Amino acid sequence: MDIGVFCFLFSGQVVATITSWCNNIYLANKTILDKGHFLCRYLYCLCIGRRIEPITLPWVSYSFLKRGFVLKETYDTECCDDVFSDDTHETIVSFMNDDPTIRKGLIITSSHLSQLIHRNRKFMPFEKTNVNMRFLSIQYVHPNMKPIYIDLPVGYFMYTNEILSSVFVKRCLEYQSQPYVFDNMYTLHIIDHKVFEFSLSSSQYIRLDKDTYHVIEEETI
């Protein structure tokens, strides 16, 4: 056998052996290693002032955009069933009414369900059906800073999901590492699945349909 071929085959076996060994170590210590990795990420995010989602699944995020464009977010990792029920809606609206500084609210789940919290509208029913479209590019543009590209996971593209509202965008910015300026002067520059370019103002959001999307003006919620 040619020495070059032998070295190639031998190196391939070594790589496969090391990979298998590393996988076995990871599987045997998965919980400890996952928590250690999360702790490192948490400390890094803490140092740069960036938020991080919980390691425990499933979870529900309740986000509220307050006066002064401050985001208040609370996670629930225990009561994750029926989060879009009428009872939940009444509880959240009561909480919002007790705090006059809250301007807007949003619920997001670890499975990427997303709806705005309206004081005068119940939650819309979900089908958990993926839609046949994506946004190719979402750029956050503000006159007082350089543009930032928002990386939106494909899981959010589900039927009846409400995305890219001002509180949704604020939450996205809190989970990325670049400095930003946020107020009502921002605009989103979006390229959709048909390579159509359009802009979304801070007073608008997207409601996803099965094969398309709708640009909707935010109500006073």
N, C-alpha and C. Protein backbone atom coordinates (compact mmCIF):
# COMPACT_ATOMS: atom_id res chain seq x y z
N MET A 1 0.85 -1.20 0.00
CA MET A 1 0.00 0.00 0.00
C MET A 1 0.88 1.25 0.00
N ASP A 2 0.48 2.22 -0.79
CA ASP A 2 1.22 3.47 -0.85
C ASP A 2 1.21 4.16 0.51
N ILE A 3 2.36 4.72 0.91
CA ILE A 3 2.49 5.33 2.23
C ILE A 3 1.51 6.48 2.44
N GLY A 4 1.23 7.21 1.34
CA GLY A 4 0.30 8.33 1.44
C GLY A 4 -1.12 7.85 1.73
N VAL A 5 -1.52 6.77 1.04
CA VAL A 5 -2.85 6.21 1.27
C VAL A 5 -2.96 5.67 2.69
N PHE A 6 -1.89 4.99 3.15
CA PHE A 6 -1.88 4.43 4.50
C PHE A 6 -2.04 5.53 5.54
N CYS A 7 -1.29 6.63 5.38
CA CYS A 7 -1.37 7.74 6.33
C CYS A 7 -2.77 8.35 6.34
N PHE A 8 -3.37 8.45 5.14
CA PHE A 8 -4.71 9.02 5.03
C PHE A 8 -5.73 8.15 5.77
N LEU A 9 -5.67 6.82 5.54
CA LEU A 9 -6.61 5.91 6.19
C LEU A 9 -6.39 5.87 7.69
N PHE A 10 -5.11 5.88 8.10
CA PHE A 10 -4.79 5.82 9.53
C PHE A 10 -5.28 7.08 10.25
N SER A 11 -5.07 8.23 9.63
CA SER A 11 -5.52 9.48 10.25
C SER A 11 -7.04 9.51 10.36
N GLY A 12 -7.72 8.94 9.34
CA GLY A 12 -9.18 8.88 9.40
C GLY A 12 -9.66 8.03 10.56
N GLN A 13 -8.99 6.91 10.81
CA GLN A 13 -9.36 6.05 11.93
C GLN A 13 -9.11 6.74 13.27
N VAL A 14 -8.00 7.48 13.35
CA VAL A 14 -7.69 8.21 14.59
C VAL A 14 -8.75 9.26 14.88
N VAL A 15 -9.14 10.01 13.85
CA VAL A 15 -10.16 11.05 14.03
C VAL A 15 -11.48 10.42 14.47
N ALA A 16 -11.86 9.30 13.82
CA ALA A 16 -13.11 8.63 14.17
C ALA A 16 -13.08 8.11 15.61
N THR A 17 -11.93 7.58 16.03
CA THR A 17 -11.80 7.07 17.40
C THR A 17 -11.91 8.19 18.42
N ILE A 18 -11.21 9.31 18.15
CA ILE A 18 -11.26 10.45 19.08
C ILE A 18 -12.66 11.03 19.15
N THR A 19 -13.34 11.13 17.99
CA THR A 19 -14.70 11.66 17.96
C THR A 19 -15.65 10.78 18.76
N SER A 20 -15.53 9.46 18.58
CA SER A 20 -16.37 8.53 19.33
C SER A 20 -16.09 8.61 20.82
N TRP A 21 -14.84 8.75 21.19
CA TRP A 21 -14.46 8.86 22.59
C TRP A 21 -15.03 10.13 23.23
N CYS A 22 -14.94 11.24 22.50
CA CYS A 22 -15.48 12.52 23.00
C CYS A 22 -17.00 12.45 23.14
N ASN A 23 -17.66 11.82 22.17
CA ASN A 23 -19.12 11.68 22.24
C ASN A 23 -19.54 10.86 23.44
N ASN A 24 -18.81 9.78 23.70
CA ASN A 24 -19.13 8.93 24.85
C ASN A 24 -18.95 9.69 26.16
N ILE A 25 -17.88 10.48 26.25
CA ILE A 25 -17.66 11.28 27.46
C ILE A 25 -18.79 12.29 27.65
N TYR A 26 -19.20 12.94 26.55
CA TYR A 26 -20.27 13.93 26.64
C TYR A 26 -21.59 13.29 27.08
N LEU A 27 -21.94 12.14 26.46
CA LEU A 27 -23.20 11.48 26.80
C LEU A 27 -23.20 11.00 28.26
N ALA A 28 -22.05 10.60 28.75
CA ALA A 28 -21.96 10.12 30.13
C ALA A 28 -22.04 11.26 31.14
N ASN A 29 -21.73 12.47 30.68
CA ASN A 29 -21.71 13.64 31.59
C ASN A 29 -22.51 14.79 31.02
N LYS A 30 -23.56 14.47 30.27
CA LYS A 30 -24.29 15.49 29.52
C LYS A 30 -24.83 16.61 30.40
N THR A 31 -25.47 16.25 31.50
CA THR A 31 -26.08 17.27 32.36
C THR A 31 -25.05 18.23 32.93
N ILE A 32 -23.94 17.67 33.43
CA ILE A 32 -22.90 18.51 34.03
C ILE A 32 -22.26 19.41 32.98
N LEU A 33 -21.94 18.83 31.81
CA LEU A 33 -21.28 19.62 30.76
C LEU A 33 -22.20 20.69 30.20
N ASP A 34 -23.49 20.37 30.03
CA ASP A 34 -24.44 21.37 29.53
C ASP A 34 -24.58 22.53 30.51
N LYS A 35 -24.66 22.21 31.80
CA LYS A 35 -24.78 23.27 32.80
C LYS A 35 -23.50 24.10 32.88
N GLY A 36 -22.36 23.43 32.72
CA GLY A 36 -21.09 24.16 32.72
C GLY A 36 -20.98 25.10 31.54
N HIS A 37 -21.42 24.61 30.38
CA HIS A 37 -21.41 25.46 29.17
C HIS A 37 -22.35 26.64 29.33
N PHE A 38 -23.54 26.38 29.91
CA PHE A 38 -24.50 27.47 30.12
C PHE A 38 -23.95 28.49 31.10
N LEU A 39 -23.26 28.02 32.16
CA LEU A 39 -22.69 28.94 33.13
C LEU A 39 -21.65 29.85 32.50
N CYS A 40 -20.83 29.29 31.62
CA CYS A 40 -19.83 30.11 30.93
C CYS A 40 -20.50 31.15 30.05
N ARG A 41 -21.53 30.74 29.32
CA ARG A 41 -22.28 31.68 28.48
C ARG A 41 -22.96 32.74 29.32
N TYR A 42 -23.52 32.33 30.47
CA TYR A 42 -24.21 33.27 31.36
C TYR A 42 -23.25 34.34 31.89
N LEU A 43 -22.07 33.91 32.31
CA LEU A 43 -21.08 34.85 32.84
C LEU A 43 -20.61 35.81 31.75
N TYR A 44 -20.43 35.26 30.53
CA TYR A 44 -20.02 36.12 29.42
C TYR A 44 -21.09 37.16 29.12
N CYS A 45 -22.36 36.72 29.05
CA CYS A 45 -23.45 37.65 28.78
C CYS A 45 -23.60 38.67 29.89
N LEU A 46 -23.36 38.25 31.12
CA LEU A 46 -23.44 39.16 32.26
C LEU A 46 -22.39 40.26 32.14
N CYS A 47 -21.21 39.90 31.66
CA CYS A 47 -20.11 40.87 31.54
C CYS A 47 -20.39 41.90 30.45
N ILE A 48 -21.06 41.51 29.37
CA ILE A 48 -21.28 42.43 28.26
C ILE A 48 -22.69 43.03 28.29
N GLY A 49 -23.47 42.73 29.34
CA GLY A 49 -24.80 43.30 29.47
C GLY A 49 -25.80 42.74 28.50
N ARG A 50 -25.67 41.48 28.18
CA ARG A 50 -26.57 40.83 27.22
C ARG A 50 -27.42 39.78 27.93
N ARG A 51 -28.68 39.69 27.58
CA ARG A 51 -29.57 38.71 28.19
C ARG A 51 -29.31 37.31 27.62
N ILE A 52 -29.75 36.29 28.35
CA ILE A 52 -29.61 34.91 27.90
C ILE A 52 -30.87 34.14 28.31
N GLU A 53 -31.36 33.28 27.43
CA GLU A 53 -32.56 32.50 27.71
C GLU A 53 -32.24 31.35 28.65
N PRO A 54 -33.21 30.88 29.42
CA PRO A 54 -32.96 29.81 30.39
C PRO A 54 -32.52 28.51 29.72
N ILE A 55 -31.77 27.70 30.46
CA ILE A 55 -31.37 26.39 29.97
C ILE A 55 -32.50 25.38 30.14
N THR A 56 -33.39 25.65 31.11
CA THR A 56 -34.50 24.73 31.39
C THR A 56 -35.61 24.89 30.36
N LEU A 57 -36.05 23.77 29.79
CA LEU A 57 -37.14 23.76 28.82
C LEU A 57 -38.30 22.92 29.37
N PRO A 58 -39.54 23.30 29.03
CA PRO A 58 -39.92 24.50 28.27
C PRO A 58 -39.96 25.73 29.18
N TRP A 59 -40.05 26.90 28.55
CA TRP A 59 -40.19 28.14 29.31
C TRP A 59 -41.15 29.08 28.58
N VAL A 60 -41.65 30.04 29.34
CA VAL A 60 -42.51 31.10 28.78
C VAL A 60 -41.92 32.43 29.20
N SER A 61 -41.78 33.34 28.26
CA SER A 61 -41.26 34.67 28.53
C SER A 61 -42.40 35.68 28.48
N TYR A 62 -42.52 36.48 29.55
CA TYR A 62 -43.47 37.59 29.60
C TYR A 62 -42.65 38.87 29.55
N SER A 63 -42.75 39.59 28.43
CA SER A 63 -41.96 40.80 28.24
C SER A 63 -42.88 42.02 28.20
N PHE A 64 -42.43 43.08 28.87
CA PHE A 64 -43.22 44.32 28.92
C PHE A 64 -42.31 45.49 28.59
N LEU A 65 -42.74 46.30 27.63
CA LEU A 65 -42.00 47.52 27.28
C LEU A 65 -42.57 48.65 28.11
N LYS A 66 -41.72 49.22 28.97
CA LYS A 66 -42.17 50.23 29.91
C LYS A 66 -41.79 51.63 29.43
N ARG A 67 -42.28 52.61 30.12
CA ARG A 67 -41.98 53.99 29.81
C ARG A 67 -40.46 54.20 29.84
N GLY A 68 -39.95 54.94 28.86
CA GLY A 68 -38.52 55.12 28.74
C GLY A 68 -37.87 54.00 27.94
N PHE A 69 -38.69 53.15 27.31
CA PHE A 69 -38.24 52.05 26.45
C PHE A 69 -37.41 51.02 27.22
N VAL A 70 -37.78 50.81 28.47
CA VAL A 70 -37.12 49.80 29.31
C VAL A 70 -37.87 48.48 29.17
N LEU A 71 -37.14 47.39 28.98
CA LEU A 71 -37.76 46.07 28.85
C LEU A 71 -37.73 45.35 30.19
N LYS A 72 -38.90 44.96 30.65
CA LYS A 72 -39.01 44.11 31.85
C LYS A 72 -39.42 42.73 31.37
N GLU A 73 -38.64 41.73 31.71
CA GLU A 73 -38.93 40.37 31.24
C GLU A 73 -38.89 39.39 32.40
N THR A 74 -39.88 38.49 32.43
CA THR A 74 -39.96 37.45 33.45
C THR A 74 -40.13 36.10 32.77
N TYR A 75 -39.39 35.11 33.25
CA TYR A 75 -39.50 33.75 32.71
C TYR A 75 -40.26 32.86 33.68
N ASP A 76 -41.07 31.97 33.10
CA ASP A 76 -41.76 30.94 33.87
C ASP A 76 -41.37 29.59 33.28
N THR A 77 -40.75 28.73 34.09
CA THR A 77 -40.34 27.40 33.62
C THR A 77 -41.19 26.30 34.26
N GLU A 78 -42.24 26.68 34.97
CA GLU A 78 -43.08 25.69 35.65
C GLU A 78 -44.47 25.61 35.05
N CYS A 79 -45.15 26.74 34.96
CA CYS A 79 -46.53 26.76 34.43
C CYS A 79 -46.49 27.14 32.95
N CYS A 80 -46.20 26.16 32.11
CA CYS A 80 -46.04 26.43 30.67
C CYS A 80 -47.22 25.93 29.85
N ASP A 81 -48.25 25.40 30.49
CA ASP A 81 -49.43 24.91 29.78
C ASP A 81 -50.51 25.99 29.78
N ASP A 82 -51.25 26.04 28.69
CA ASP A 82 -52.38 26.97 28.57
C ASP A 82 -51.98 28.43 28.83
N VAL A 83 -50.80 28.81 28.35
CA VAL A 83 -50.36 30.19 28.58
C VAL A 83 -51.16 31.19 27.76
N PHE A 84 -51.86 30.71 26.74
CA PHE A 84 -52.66 31.61 25.91
C PHE A 84 -54.15 31.45 26.20
N SER A 85 -54.47 31.04 27.43
CA SER A 85 -55.87 30.89 27.82
C SER A 85 -56.47 32.24 28.22
N ASP A 86 -57.79 32.29 28.31
CA ASP A 86 -58.46 33.53 28.73
C ASP A 86 -58.10 33.89 30.16
N ASP A 87 -57.94 32.89 31.03
CA ASP A 87 -57.58 33.16 32.42
C ASP A 87 -56.20 33.82 32.51
N THR A 88 -55.26 33.29 31.71
CA THR A 88 -53.92 33.88 31.71
C THR A 88 -53.97 35.32 31.21
N HIS A 89 -54.78 35.54 30.16
CA HIS A 89 -54.91 36.89 29.61
C HIS A 89 -55.44 37.86 30.66
N GLU A 90 -56.46 37.45 31.42
CA GLU A 90 -57.03 38.31 32.44
C GLU A 90 -56.01 38.62 33.54
N THR A 91 -55.21 37.62 33.90
CA THR A 91 -54.20 37.83 34.94
C THR A 91 -53.14 38.82 34.49
N ILE A 92 -52.68 38.67 33.24
CA ILE A 92 -51.64 39.56 32.73
C ILE A 92 -52.16 40.98 32.55
N VAL A 93 -53.37 41.11 32.02
CA VAL A 93 -53.96 42.44 31.83
C VAL A 93 -54.13 43.14 33.17
N SER A 94 -54.55 42.38 34.20
CA SER A 94 -54.68 42.96 35.53
C SER A 94 -53.33 43.47 36.03
N PHE A 95 -52.27 42.70 35.77
CA PHE A 95 -50.92 43.13 36.16
C PHE A 95 -50.51 44.41 35.42
N MET A 96 -50.82 44.46 34.11
CA MET A 96 -50.47 45.63 33.31
C MET A 96 -51.25 46.86 33.77
N ASN A 97 -52.51 46.67 34.15
CA ASN A 97 -53.33 47.80 34.59
C ASN A 97 -52.84 48.36 35.93
N ASP A 98 -52.20 47.50 36.71
CA ASP A 98 -51.68 47.94 38.01
C ASP A 98 -50.37 48.71 37.89
N ASP A 99 -49.76 48.65 36.73
CA ASP A 99 -48.49 49.35 36.51
C ASP A 99 -48.65 50.33 35.35
N PRO A 100 -48.87 51.60 35.62
CA PRO A 100 -49.12 52.59 34.55
C PRO A 100 -47.91 52.85 33.66
N THR A 101 -46.72 52.35 34.05
CA THR A 101 -45.54 52.57 33.21
C THR A 101 -45.43 51.57 32.07
N ILE A 102 -46.25 50.49 32.10
CA ILE A 102 -46.20 49.48 31.04
C ILE A 102 -46.95 49.98 29.82
N ARG A 103 -46.27 49.98 28.68
CA ARG A 103 -46.87 50.44 27.43
C ARG A 103 -47.33 49.28 26.57
N LYS A 104 -46.54 48.19 26.53
CA LYS A 104 -46.85 47.07 25.64
C LYS A 104 -46.40 45.76 26.28
N GLY A 105 -47.04 44.67 25.88
CA GLY A 105 -46.68 43.36 26.42
C GLY A 105 -46.56 42.32 25.33
N LEU A 106 -45.81 41.26 25.63
CA LEU A 106 -45.54 40.20 24.65
C LEU A 106 -45.31 38.88 25.39
N ILE A 107 -45.87 37.80 24.83
CA ILE A 107 -45.59 36.45 25.33
C ILE A 107 -44.84 35.69 24.24
N ILE A 108 -43.74 35.06 24.63
CA ILE A 108 -42.97 34.19 23.74
C ILE A 108 -42.68 32.90 24.49
N THR A 109 -42.80 31.77 23.79
CA THR A 109 -42.50 30.48 24.41
C THR A 109 -41.21 29.91 23.82
N SER A 110 -40.66 28.90 24.49
CA SER A 110 -39.44 28.26 24.00
C SER A 110 -39.66 27.54 22.68
N SER A 111 -40.93 27.27 22.33
CA SER A 111 -41.25 26.67 21.04
C SER A 111 -41.57 27.72 19.98
N HIS A 112 -41.25 28.99 20.29
CA HIS A 112 -41.32 30.12 19.35
C HIS A 112 -42.75 30.60 19.04
N LEU A 113 -43.70 30.30 19.91
CA LEU A 113 -45.00 30.94 19.78
C LEU A 113 -44.87 32.37 20.28
N SER A 114 -45.52 33.30 19.59
CA SER A 114 -45.36 34.72 19.93
C SER A 114 -46.64 35.49 19.66
N GLN A 115 -47.13 36.17 20.71
CA GLN A 115 -48.30 37.03 20.54
C GLN A 115 -48.18 38.26 21.42
N LEU A 116 -48.68 39.36 20.90
CA LEU A 116 -48.79 40.58 21.69
C LEU A 116 -49.88 40.42 22.74
N ILE A 117 -49.74 41.14 23.83
CA ILE A 117 -50.76 41.14 24.88
C ILE A 117 -51.58 42.41 24.73
N HIS A 118 -52.83 42.25 24.29
CA HIS A 118 -53.73 43.39 24.13
C HIS A 118 -54.68 43.46 25.32
N ARG A 119 -54.87 44.65 25.83
CA ARG A 119 -55.81 44.79 26.94
C ARG A 119 -57.24 44.50 26.51
N ASN A 120 -57.56 44.82 25.26
CA ASN A 120 -58.95 44.69 24.80
C ASN A 120 -59.14 43.59 23.76
N ARG A 121 -58.22 42.62 23.72
CA ARG A 121 -58.36 41.51 22.76
C ARG A 121 -57.81 40.23 23.37
N LYS A 122 -58.59 39.17 23.32
CA LYS A 122 -58.13 37.88 23.81
C LYS A 122 -57.03 37.34 22.90
N PHE A 123 -56.34 36.32 23.37
CA PHE A 123 -55.30 35.69 22.55
C PHE A 123 -55.93 34.98 21.34
N MET A 124 -55.22 35.01 20.23
CA MET A 124 -55.67 34.30 19.04
C MET A 124 -55.32 32.82 19.16
N PRO A 125 -56.18 31.92 18.64
CA PRO A 125 -55.88 30.48 18.70
C PRO A 125 -54.68 30.13 17.82
N PHE A 126 -53.88 29.17 18.29
CA PHE A 126 -52.70 28.74 17.55
C PHE A 126 -52.96 27.39 16.89
N GLU A 127 -52.34 27.18 15.73
CA GLU A 127 -52.36 25.88 15.08
C GLU A 127 -50.99 25.20 15.11
N LYS A 128 -49.96 25.96 15.52
CA LYS A 128 -48.59 25.46 15.52
C LYS A 128 -48.22 24.88 14.14
N THR A 129 -48.61 25.63 13.11
CA THR A 129 -48.34 25.22 11.73
C THR A 129 -47.30 26.15 11.14
N ASN A 130 -46.23 25.59 10.59
CA ASN A 130 -45.21 26.41 9.94
C ASN A 130 -45.77 27.04 8.68
N VAL A 131 -45.37 28.27 8.41
CA VAL A 131 -45.82 28.96 7.20
C VAL A 131 -44.80 28.75 6.08
N ASN A 132 -45.26 28.97 4.86
CA ASN A 132 -44.41 28.71 3.69
C ASN A 132 -43.68 29.97 3.24
N MET A 133 -43.05 30.64 4.17
CA MET A 133 -42.27 31.82 3.81
C MET A 133 -41.29 32.13 4.92
N ARG A 134 -40.30 32.93 4.57
CA ARG A 134 -39.28 33.37 5.51
C ARG A 134 -38.88 34.80 5.14
N PHE A 135 -38.25 35.50 6.07
CA PHE A 135 -37.63 36.78 5.74
C PHE A 135 -36.15 36.53 5.51
N LEU A 136 -35.67 36.95 4.36
CA LEU A 136 -34.27 36.72 4.01
C LEU A 136 -33.33 37.63 4.78
N SER A 137 -33.83 38.81 5.14
CA SER A 137 -32.98 39.77 5.84
C SER A 137 -33.86 40.70 6.66
N ILE A 138 -33.42 40.98 7.90
CA ILE A 138 -34.09 41.95 8.77
C ILE A 138 -33.01 42.87 9.34
N GLN A 139 -33.07 44.14 8.97
CA GLN A 139 -32.04 45.09 9.39
C GLN A 139 -32.67 46.17 10.27
N TYR A 140 -32.10 46.33 11.46
CA TYR A 140 -32.55 47.37 12.39
C TYR A 140 -31.79 48.65 12.08
N VAL A 141 -32.53 49.69 11.72
CA VAL A 141 -31.92 50.96 11.30
C VAL A 141 -32.40 52.08 12.22
N HIS A 142 -31.43 52.81 12.76
CA HIS A 142 -31.73 53.96 13.61
C HIS A 142 -30.80 55.10 13.20
N PRO A 143 -31.30 56.35 13.16
CA PRO A 143 -30.47 57.47 12.69
C PRO A 143 -29.24 57.75 13.54
N ASN A 144 -29.20 57.24 14.77
CA ASN A 144 -28.09 57.54 15.67
C ASN A 144 -27.13 56.37 15.87
N MET A 145 -27.14 55.41 14.96
CA MET A 145 -26.25 54.25 15.12
C MET A 145 -26.09 53.53 13.79
N LYS A 146 -25.12 52.62 13.74
CA LYS A 146 -24.95 51.78 12.57
C LYS A 146 -26.02 50.69 12.55
N PRO A 147 -26.45 50.26 11.37
CA PRO A 147 -27.49 49.22 11.29
C PRO A 147 -27.05 47.90 11.92
N ILE A 148 -28.02 47.16 12.44
CA ILE A 148 -27.79 45.84 13.01
C ILE A 148 -28.71 44.85 12.31
N TYR A 149 -28.16 43.71 11.93
CA TYR A 149 -28.99 42.65 11.35
C TYR A 149 -29.56 41.79 12.47
N ILE A 150 -30.86 41.58 12.42
CA ILE A 150 -31.54 40.75 13.42
C ILE A 150 -31.65 39.33 12.88
N ASP A 151 -31.12 38.39 13.64
CA ASP A 151 -31.17 36.98 13.26
C ASP A 151 -32.40 36.35 13.89
N LEU A 152 -33.45 36.15 13.10
CA LEU A 152 -34.71 35.62 13.61
C LEU A 152 -34.80 34.13 13.31
N PRO A 153 -34.83 33.27 14.32
CA PRO A 153 -34.92 31.82 14.09
C PRO A 153 -36.14 31.45 13.25
N VAL A 154 -35.98 30.46 12.39
CA VAL A 154 -37.07 30.06 11.49
C VAL A 154 -38.27 29.54 12.26
N GLY A 155 -38.06 29.11 13.51
CA GLY A 155 -39.17 28.59 14.31
C GLY A 155 -40.27 29.60 14.56
N TYR A 156 -39.95 30.89 14.46
CA TYR A 156 -40.96 31.92 14.67
C TYR A 156 -41.95 32.03 13.52
N PHE A 157 -41.63 31.43 12.38
CA PHE A 157 -42.51 31.56 11.23
C PHE A 157 -43.62 30.51 11.30
N MET A 158 -44.57 30.78 12.20
CA MET A 158 -45.72 29.91 12.40
C MET A 158 -47.01 30.70 12.21
N TYR A 159 -48.02 30.00 11.77
CA TYR A 159 -49.33 30.59 11.48
C TYR A 159 -49.88 31.31 12.72
N THR A 160 -50.31 32.54 12.53
CA THR A 160 -50.89 33.48 13.51
C THR A 160 -49.86 34.07 14.46
N ASN A 161 -48.58 33.73 14.34
CA ASN A 161 -47.58 34.38 15.18
C ASN A 161 -47.53 35.88 14.90
N GLU A 162 -47.31 36.66 15.95
CA GLU A 162 -47.15 38.10 15.82
C GLU A 162 -45.71 38.44 16.16
N ILE A 163 -44.97 38.93 15.17
CA ILE A 163 -43.54 39.16 15.32
C ILE A 163 -43.17 40.59 14.91
N LEU A 164 -42.00 41.00 15.35
CA LEU A 164 -41.38 42.27 14.96
C LEU A 164 -42.16 43.51 15.39
N SER A 165 -42.94 43.37 16.46
CA SER A 165 -43.50 44.56 17.10
C SER A 165 -42.37 45.28 17.83
N SER A 166 -42.64 46.44 18.36
CA SER A 166 -41.58 47.21 19.02
C SER A 166 -41.04 46.47 20.25
N VAL A 167 -41.92 45.82 21.03
CA VAL A 167 -41.44 45.08 22.19
C VAL A 167 -40.69 43.82 21.76
N PHE A 168 -41.11 43.20 20.66
CA PHE A 168 -40.40 42.04 20.10
C PHE A 168 -39.00 42.43 19.65
N VAL A 169 -38.91 43.56 18.94
CA VAL A 169 -37.61 44.05 18.45
C VAL A 169 -36.70 44.41 19.61
N LYS A 170 -37.25 45.09 20.62
CA LYS A 170 -36.46 45.45 21.80
C LYS A 170 -35.89 44.20 22.46
N ARG A 171 -36.69 43.16 22.55
CA ARG A 171 -36.23 41.90 23.15
C ARG A 171 -35.12 41.28 22.31
N CYS A 172 -35.26 41.30 20.99
CA CYS A 172 -34.22 40.77 20.10
C CYS A 172 -32.90 41.50 20.33
N LEU A 173 -32.95 42.81 20.45
CA LEU A 173 -31.74 43.60 20.64
C LEU A 173 -31.06 43.31 21.98
N GLU A 174 -31.86 42.98 22.98
CA GLU A 174 -31.30 42.69 24.31
C GLU A 174 -30.53 41.37 24.32
N TYR A 175 -30.80 40.51 23.33
CA TYR A 175 -30.16 39.19 23.29
C TYR A 175 -29.02 39.11 22.27
N GLN A 176 -28.58 40.25 21.77
CA GLN A 176 -27.42 40.28 20.89
C GLN A 176 -26.36 41.18 21.51
N SER A 177 -25.15 41.12 20.99
CA SER A 177 -24.01 41.73 21.69
C SER A 177 -23.62 43.13 21.21
N GLN A 178 -24.21 43.61 20.12
CA GLN A 178 -23.81 44.92 19.62
C GLN A 178 -24.54 46.05 20.36
N PRO A 179 -23.85 47.19 20.58
CA PRO A 179 -24.52 48.33 21.21
C PRO A 179 -25.60 48.89 20.29
N TYR A 180 -26.65 49.45 20.89
CA TYR A 180 -27.75 49.94 20.05
C TYR A 180 -28.46 51.09 20.73
N VAL A 181 -29.22 51.82 19.93
CA VAL A 181 -30.10 52.89 20.42
C VAL A 181 -31.52 52.48 20.08
N PHE A 182 -32.41 52.56 21.06
CA PHE A 182 -33.80 52.14 20.82
C PHE A 182 -34.77 53.21 21.28
N ASP A 183 -35.62 53.62 20.34
CA ASP A 183 -36.77 54.48 20.64
C ASP A 183 -37.72 54.37 19.45
N ASN A 184 -38.67 55.28 19.36
CA ASN A 184 -39.66 55.20 18.28
C ASN A 184 -39.14 55.61 16.91
N MET A 185 -37.86 56.00 16.82
CA MET A 185 -37.32 56.50 15.56
C MET A 185 -36.73 55.38 14.70
N TYR A 186 -36.75 54.14 15.17
CA TYR A 186 -36.13 53.07 14.38
C TYR A 186 -37.04 52.61 13.24
N THR A 187 -36.42 51.95 12.27
CA THR A 187 -37.12 51.34 11.16
C THR A 187 -36.49 49.98 10.87
N LEU A 188 -37.31 49.01 10.53
CA LEU A 188 -36.80 47.72 10.09
C LEU A 188 -36.83 47.67 8.57
N HIS A 189 -35.69 47.34 7.96
CA HIS A 189 -35.63 47.11 6.53
C HIS A 189 -35.63 45.61 6.29
N ILE A 190 -36.65 45.12 5.61
CA ILE A 190 -36.87 43.67 5.50
C ILE A 190 -36.89 43.25 4.03
N ILE A 191 -36.29 42.09 3.76
CA ILE A 191 -36.38 41.45 2.45
C ILE A 191 -37.11 40.13 2.66
N ASP A 192 -38.25 39.97 2.00
CA ASP A 192 -39.05 38.77 2.23
C ASP A 192 -38.65 37.62 1.30
N HIS A 193 -39.44 36.54 1.33
CA HIS A 193 -39.11 35.32 0.59
C HIS A 193 -39.22 35.50 -0.92
N LYS A 194 -39.88 36.56 -1.36
CA LYS A 194 -39.98 36.86 -2.79
C LYS A 194 -39.00 37.97 -3.20
N VAL A 195 -38.04 38.24 -2.33
CA VAL A 195 -37.02 39.27 -2.52
C VAL A 195 -37.66 40.64 -2.70
N PHE A 196 -38.77 40.84 -2.03
CA PHE A 196 -39.43 42.14 -2.00
C PHE A 196 -38.95 42.90 -0.77
N GLU A 197 -38.51 44.13 -0.97
CA GLU A 197 -38.00 44.95 0.13
C GLU A 197 -39.10 45.89 0.65
N PHE A 198 -39.21 45.96 1.94
CA PHE A 198 -40.17 46.90 2.53
C PHE A 198 -39.66 47.33 3.90
N SER A 199 -40.26 48.38 4.43
CA SER A 199 -39.86 48.93 5.74
C SER A 199 -40.99 48.77 6.73
N LEU A 200 -40.61 48.55 7.98
CA LEU A 200 -41.57 48.41 9.06
C LEU A 200 -41.22 49.44 10.12
N SER A 201 -42.18 50.30 10.45
CA SER A 201 -41.93 51.35 11.44
C SER A 201 -42.10 50.81 12.86
N SER A 202 -41.77 51.63 13.84
CA SER A 202 -41.88 51.20 15.23
C SER A 202 -43.33 51.06 15.69
N SER A 203 -44.26 51.54 14.90
CA SER A 203 -45.68 51.43 15.26
C SER A 203 -46.36 50.28 14.52
N GLN A 204 -45.59 49.43 13.85
CA GLN A 204 -46.16 48.33 13.08
C GLN A 204 -45.55 46.99 13.51
N TYR A 205 -46.26 45.92 13.19
CA TYR A 205 -45.73 44.58 13.42
C TYR A 205 -46.24 43.64 12.33
N ILE A 206 -45.76 42.40 12.35
CA ILE A 206 -46.12 41.41 11.34
C ILE A 206 -46.97 40.32 11.96
N ARG A 207 -48.11 40.01 11.32
CA ARG A 207 -48.89 38.83 11.68
C ARG A 207 -48.77 37.83 10.53
N LEU A 208 -48.33 36.63 10.86
CA LEU A 208 -48.06 35.63 9.83
C LEU A 208 -49.31 34.85 9.47
N ASP A 209 -49.49 34.66 8.17
CA ASP A 209 -50.57 33.83 7.64
C ASP A 209 -49.93 32.57 7.07
N LYS A 210 -50.74 31.67 6.50
CA LYS A 210 -50.19 30.39 6.06
C LYS A 210 -49.22 30.53 4.90
N ASP A 211 -49.49 31.44 3.98
CA ASP A 211 -48.62 31.61 2.82
C ASP A 211 -48.13 33.03 2.64
N THR A 212 -48.45 33.89 3.59
CA THR A 212 -48.06 35.28 3.43
C THR A 212 -47.96 35.93 4.82
N TYR A 213 -47.91 37.25 4.84
CA TYR A 213 -47.83 37.98 6.10
C TYR A 213 -48.60 39.29 5.95
N HIS A 214 -48.97 39.86 7.06
CA HIS A 214 -49.72 41.11 7.06
C HIS A 214 -49.01 42.14 7.93
N VAL A 215 -48.85 43.34 7.42
CA VAL A 215 -48.30 44.46 8.19
C VAL A 215 -49.45 45.13 8.91
N ILE A 216 -49.37 45.20 10.24
CA ILE A 216 -50.48 45.69 11.05
C ILE A 216 -50.00 46.84 11.94
N GLU A 217 -50.83 47.84 12.05
CA GLU A 217 -50.54 48.96 12.94
C GLU A 217 -50.81 48.53 14.39
N GLU A 218 -49.86 48.84 15.26
CA GLU A 218 -50.04 48.50 16.66
C GLU A 218 -51.15 49.35 17.26
N GLU A 219 -51.97 48.69 18.05
CA GLU A 219 -53.04 49.39 18.74
C GLU A 219 -52.51 49.93 20.06
N THR A 220 -53.31 50.72 20.70
CA THR A 220 -53.01 51.12 22.07
C THR A 220 -53.41 49.96 22.95
N ILE A 221 -52.41 49.24 23.47
CA ILE A 221 -52.72 48.00 24.16
C ILE A 221 -52.54 48.14 25.67
